Amino acid sequence: PLEAAAPPPRAEPEEEEAGAKGYVPGGEVRIGAHRFRCLSVLGRGSYSEVWRSEALDISTIDGEAMQEVALKEVLCSSQGELQQAIFEVQVLLALEQSAPPNRVEALRVPRCITYKVDPCNGGGWTVRTAMTVVPGEALDLFLRRPVPPSSGSTMGALRRGCALVAKMIVEIAPMLSLLEPIAWHRDVNSHNILIHIANEDAQSDASLDVDAADASFWLIDFGLAVDSQSWVTDRGKWRTEYIGGDSRYWPPSSWIMHLLGPEGFAGRQDLCRQYQHRLDIHGLGITALELLCTLALASAPSPSGRASGVSPPAAEIAVDDLLEAWARYRDDVWQWWSAVYQVFSSGGDVAPLQAQLVEERVIERLLQMLENLRYSLRRCAAELEAADESCPHARLFRVIAEMLDERSTVSLPEIVAMLGREQQATSAVDRAPAEEAAAAAPPRAP
């Protein structure tokens, strides 16, 4: 990195006043020893905003050309919020330090250029960070693209999705593995995974019909990350830290923590272990299933479009059942998320909603829906192999089922390996640092 990781000294009065004003289009911002010009807003949240900017006094980072940078400003009103904002920076710096020499460019995450902490006149602090801009658009935006012409069958539509999903897992899982000895991301979802399509035409011509060979994936936004070493164990910080992430991608263990607290894990050791160790794996698994099923549902013909009087193959029936199970899961979980989001965004009292969700047996319903999804995924794998023993997609269905199973002990490097040599070869450069870091990581507490 270009700037040291140590927090800077207290800002001078003129710097303090500039920090309180925030970013404006065309405005210049100094962070540490470097100057940047703000161009446009990339995103805004309740306590932060990110701007696309240009660097005025640096053009490369470790020899790589740097045309634009992302400037993130986080407003912190408490020491806890300040520590969390600084921890996000420390995670990015630690990821760089964990990568083997001459392999930092293979990281599929933003790189920290510099950062600075400034006190605000009215109290609190702002944490400003300059990062590299990673390419692509958020996966949830990609999934809203226009639907391509029908492939003519459910299976044809599914094949396109399988190749893309396998590519995503093979490229993102190694980054989570590299992160694991440092932190848990806790917010892996389709909004925080970017997809970049090489040599794509203008956005107006873009559709869901893309070649997996042209796609690459990137992981962003470590703002909810927690120290993985102090998080685990029976008395770890998982018991007291605020729950984080998008509840549409929560595993059952996160809903237990949200609705019942740590006492809700009594007699549920698998779910307790999931909350301590496998939040990111589950989030990536749900994102993979969302991508797979959304592509298939968008492109597949309706049953009425099939030839009349002809029974579909068993594999196609299994896939249809999976798509129906996903649609039920999506409808219910997205509804629960909407209710939780409305209360939090309005600053309301969440306790009545929590009591209502407990009464509606949300945890038990979610466990049953996930069991149905795993059954459907494994049935698809079996039927695909029965139709074609060499079918490469069967492994993918089994991988996703493992990622969504609270009883599973499959690790991130094992998940990548399960996808087979063909998929691994597409991201060998990205996988190597993660596997080396995972091999050197200290053992985890049970």
Foldseek 3Di string as FASTA:
>chain_A
DQEDLDADDEDDPVLQVVLQVDADQQDWDDFPPWIKGFHAWPDDDPFKTKTKIATDPDQDDPPHGAGIKIKMKGWFQDPVLVVLVSLLLVLLVVLQVLFDPPQSVLAQEKHWNGWHWYAHPVHTIMIMTITGDHDAAQQVVQLPFAFDAAPAALVSLLVQLLLQLLLALLQVLLNQLSSQLFWHQQAQARRQKGKDFPPDDDPVPDGNDGHSLRIHIGGYDSSPIDGLQQQDDPPRCVQPDDRDYQQLQFALLSLCCVQPGPVSCVVPVLSVVCSNHQSNLSNSLVRSLCSSLSSSVSRHDDPVPDDPPDDDAPLRVLVVQLSVLVVVSNVVRVVLSVVVVVCVVVVHDCNVVSVVCVVVVVSVVSVVSLVSNLVSLQSSLVRVCVVPVPDLSSLVSNLSSLSNDSNHPQGSVNSSVSSDDVSNVSSVSSNVSSVVSSVPRDDDDD
